Amino acid sequence: MKNTGSRMLFKSLYNTAITAIGLILKLVLLLFLAKNFEVEAVGLYGLISAAIAISVYIVGLDYYRFNTRHYIGSSKLKKTKLIHDQLWVHIFSYILFVGIAYVFFTYDILPEKFYVAFCFLLVAEHLSQELSRILINENKQLHANVITLVRMSGWIPIFIFCISSEYLQKNIEFLFYLWALGSILSVLLGVFFLRDKLAPPRKLKKMALRRIIIGIKIASIFYFSTLVLQFVMYADRFMISGVLGNVELGVYIFYLSLANVVQTFVLTGVIFIFYPRLISSVRRRRVGELRDVFFKMLFGALFMAIVLAGVFLAGIDYILDIVNKEEYWNAVDLYKYMLMAVIIQIVVMVLNNYLYAEHHDKTILTINVTGLVVLLCSNYLLLNEHGIIGATYSLIFTYSVQLILQVLVLAFNNKLILVHG
């Protein structure tokens, strides 16, 4: 028992360390870009990153949700078959989407010179994420974290070294190719870790087309809900780029990325820890336990978010001294509103997790669609008159509307756990 406890503690510390290293490297990259590149380049980095994040969800079809239900507890042969079928699904989605995506580059919604890097990065990013999920299903969390670190930030020191040593000119396009290379390396590592599951056995039959179609249909409601949520998170970047330009977007991305560090820490340090217990409490219908877990998740998330927001707000002047760019100094007031938006978003995430645990899938989709409509309309009204601070007001308003809708849904469905004794 003691050895088991020690192993669990080691795994927990290891996972936390890997996450912390990844976050620190991402923060270092942001500060390096802000200090050494033009503000417009930071805007392009944020724009392409947003396009990648949305595109990964599009090609993924949320098919992994369906596959996971069948994967856990299956025989080795069936697991290989499930992975084989999922690979076919994504090959078709890659081919289809890469062709469609070219339209956005042709019409200059995204710079055409980034198209090749975008395609490599999209495929490698998605494959790496899927391999991470399979490793988690195999109870290989440590391996999953390693390839996640390689994919997300393992390439960052190389980029910083090359630019700082002046081996290469300051070229933001190089960043995306290096990012793609890191993602490809993480895919190779994932394949190595799962080599016994990915090797196609002789008994493997052809693609199970009927089962794949059923899987896509079952995953569709999760898919559209998650996809809409991605647009809620990233649509403002494209609107700012189109209306105000990439210089303004660069300033917005700088402060938004700093604010999102708070969200990432809260997700990792609170929400991801309590979420499995929340699911378990709902399934066992233990109202007292559910209420306890919910309050711990909510207040733990709020406490950590407020404390971290205070720390970052107090330290923003030191960060700006490091970057030393007038464009960022001129918009420093933007940061406090960004942090306010992130704190509201965190509360929305906690309630969203509860709704998901209670299988309110259509409700979540409706709230996300409403949030997207509010975001688009409010940005349309505010961007021209108020600039990037108008986009921040839009975020606060959007997340507030979503929060109100969530509370109303819980109240009207008699599921407001705050009133349970």
Foldseek 3Di string as FASTA:
>chain_A
DVVVVVVVVVVLVLLVVLLVVLLVLVLVLLLCCLQPHALLLLLLVLQLVLVLVLLLLQLQLLLVVLLLVVQQPDDLQVLLLSVVLSVVSSVVSLVVVLVVVCVCCVVPLHPVVLSVLSSLQNVLQNLLVSLLVVCVSVVNNSLSSVLVSLLRRVLSVVVSCCPVVVVDDPDSSVVSNSSSVSSNVSNVSSCVVCVSSNPNDPPHDDHPVVVSVVSSVVSNLVSLLVSLLSCLVRVLSSVLCVPPNSSLSSLLSSLLSLLCSLVSCLCVVAVVVLLVVLLVCVVVVPLVSNLVSLVRRQVVSLVSLVVVLVVCLVCVVVSCVSSVDVSNVVCNVLNVLSSLLSSLVSNLVSLVSNCVSVVVSVLSSVLSNQLSVQLVVQCVVQCVPPNPSSNSVSSNVSSVSSVVSSCVVCVVVVNPSVPPD
